Protein backbone atom coordinates (compact mmCIF):
# COMPACT_ATOMS: atom_id res chain seq x y z
CA MET A 1 19.11 -43.30 25.63
CA LYS A 2 15.53 -42.93 24.27
CA SER A 3 15.77 -41.28 20.72
CA SER A 4 13.30 -38.25 21.67
CA THR A 5 15.66 -37.93 24.29
CA ASN A 6 18.18 -37.42 22.02
CA LEU A 7 15.76 -35.08 19.91
CA LYS A 8 15.26 -32.65 22.99
CA GLU A 9 18.94 -32.78 23.57
CA ILE A 10 19.58 -31.59 20.43
CA LEU A 11 17.35 -29.17 20.09
CA GLN A 12 18.42 -27.23 22.97
CA GLN A 13 21.86 -27.71 21.77
CA PHE A 14 20.74 -26.01 18.48
CA LEU A 15 18.78 -23.21 20.46
CA ALA A 16 22.13 -22.63 22.61
CA LEU A 17 23.75 -22.01 19.21
CA LEU A 18 21.66 -19.52 18.03
CA LYS A 19 21.58 -17.82 20.63
CA VAL A 20 25.50 -17.44 20.05
CA GLU A 21 24.65 -16.59 16.96
CA LYS A 22 22.65 -13.51 17.75
CA THR A 23 25.65 -12.25 19.84
CA ALA A 24 27.86 -12.71 16.90
CA LEU A 25 25.55 -10.94 14.92
CA ILE A 26 25.38 -8.14 17.14
CA LYS A 27 29.08 -7.98 17.48
CA ASN A 28 29.48 -8.24 13.81
CA ASP A 29 31.83 -11.13 14.40
CA GLY A 30 32.11 -12.93 10.39
CA GLN A 31 34.70 -15.69 11.33
CA GLN A 32 32.49 -16.71 14.21
CA ILE A 33 29.41 -16.51 12.27
CA GLU A 34 30.67 -18.35 9.38
CA GLU A 35 31.73 -21.29 12.04
CA ILE A 36 28.32 -21.35 13.34
CA VAL A 37 26.63 -21.72 9.90
CA LYS A 38 28.57 -24.97 9.48
CA GLU A 39 27.16 -26.02 12.76
CA LYS A 40 23.99 -25.19 12.14
CA GLN A 41 23.81 -27.60 8.75
CA SER A 42 25.30 -30.54 10.66
CA PHE A 43 22.49 -29.91 13.48
CA LEU A 44 19.80 -30.10 10.59
CA LYS A 45 21.40 -33.31 9.24
CA MET A 46 20.92 -35.09 12.52
CA MET A 47 17.53 -33.40 12.94
CA GLN A 48 16.63 -35.32 9.94
CA GLU A 49 17.39 -38.20 11.40
CA LEU A 50 15.95 -38.26 14.73
CA ASP A 51 12.56 -40.17 15.59
CA PRO A 52 10.36 -37.56 17.77
CA SER A 53 7.64 -40.17 18.01
CA ASP A 54 8.38 -40.43 22.14
CA MET A 55 8.47 -37.01 22.70
CA THR A 56 5.30 -34.88 23.42
CA GLU A 57 3.50 -32.63 20.55
CA GLN A 58 3.55 -30.29 22.89
CA GLU A 59 7.33 -30.48 23.72
CA VAL A 60 8.20 -30.80 20.35
CA VAL A 61 6.20 -27.16 19.14
CA GLU A 62 7.39 -25.66 21.77
CA ASP A 63 11.14 -26.06 21.30
CA VAL A 64 10.26 -25.45 17.55
CA ARG A 65 8.65 -22.33 18.22
CA LYS A 66 11.48 -20.80 20.30
CA ILE A 67 13.99 -22.10 17.32
CA GLN A 68 11.88 -20.07 14.91
CA GLU A 69 11.73 -16.76 16.83
CA LEU A 70 15.46 -16.89 17.40
CA GLN A 71 16.25 -17.82 13.76
CA GLU A 72 13.77 -14.29 12.60
CA THR A 73 15.67 -12.29 15.24
CA ASN A 74 19.08 -13.46 13.61
CA LEU A 75 17.50 -13.19 10.16
CA MET A 76 16.61 -9.66 11.27
CA LEU A 77 19.98 -9.03 12.35
CA THR A 78 21.47 -10.39 9.46
CA LYS A 79 19.79 -7.68 7.29
CA GLN A 80 20.48 -4.93 9.24
CA ALA A 81 24.26 -5.89 8.72
CA LEU A 82 23.76 -6.11 5.38
CA GLN A 83 22.02 -2.80 5.07
CA PHE A 84 24.62 -1.13 7.01
CA GLN A 85 27.04 -2.51 4.73
CA GLU A 86 25.73 -1.21 1.39
CA GLY A 87 24.99 2.21 3.05
CA VAL A 88 29.09 2.28 4.13
CA LEU A 89 29.71 1.23 0.31
CA ASP A 90 27.27 3.91 -0.87
CA ALA A 91 28.48 6.41 1.12
CA ILE A 92 32.10 5.75 -0.11
CA SER A 93 31.20 5.38 -3.88
CA LYS A 94 29.34 9.08 -3.61
CA THR A 95 32.21 10.48 -1.84
CA ALA A 96 34.25 8.62 -4.25
CA LYS A 97 32.53 10.63 -7.73
CA LYS A 98 32.50 14.00 -6.20
CA SER A 99 36.40 13.77 -5.87
CA GLY A 100 36.41 12.61 -9.22
CA HIS A 101 40.19 13.52 -10.08
CA THR A 102 42.32 10.31 -10.74
CA TYR A 103 45.01 9.82 -12.96
CA SER A 104 43.74 8.83 -16.68
CA LYS A 105 45.20 6.35 -18.90
CA LYS A 106 47.34 8.74 -20.49
CA GLY A 107 49.07 9.55 -16.93
CA THR A 108 47.62 12.79 -16.53
CA TYR A 109 45.97 14.22 -13.54
CA ALA A 110 42.09 14.64 -14.43
CA ALA A 111 38.23 14.18 -13.69
CA SER A 112 37.17 10.98 -14.43
CA LYS A 113 33.26 10.77 -15.11
CA HIS A 114 33.23 6.97 -13.41
CA PRO A 115 35.55 6.79 -10.65
CA ASN A 116 36.44 3.45 -9.29
CA LEU A 117 36.93 2.15 -5.91
CA ILE A 118 39.14 -0.86 -7.00
CA ASN A 119 42.47 -0.10 -9.50
CA GLN A 120 40.91 -2.68 -12.43
CA SER A 121 44.42 -2.36 -14.12
CA ILE A 122 47.27 -5.21 -14.31
């Protein structure tokens, strides 16, 4: 098999993986996303070793454009998920500050100026 055919196949497989990643991002499936990131790293190593000399420039550019579009979409979905998580943590933090009543180090129940979401004592 020619290396260009290999490159074409690898680019198509990478595009398929990016589509799976997009679906996983939409579903917020962290475990699947973690596995996909590992697969993407292995694809990058393979792509660096292949020779695209037998492919036309148009073929390469077209596939690279599709990859770029999917990468940008997936990046946007990732940023949205992070913003959502930050919003959730911010809302929880504000609620914790409003209630503010916790047990003090002395064991009394009192208002706390700096409530924590995580128990830091051992």
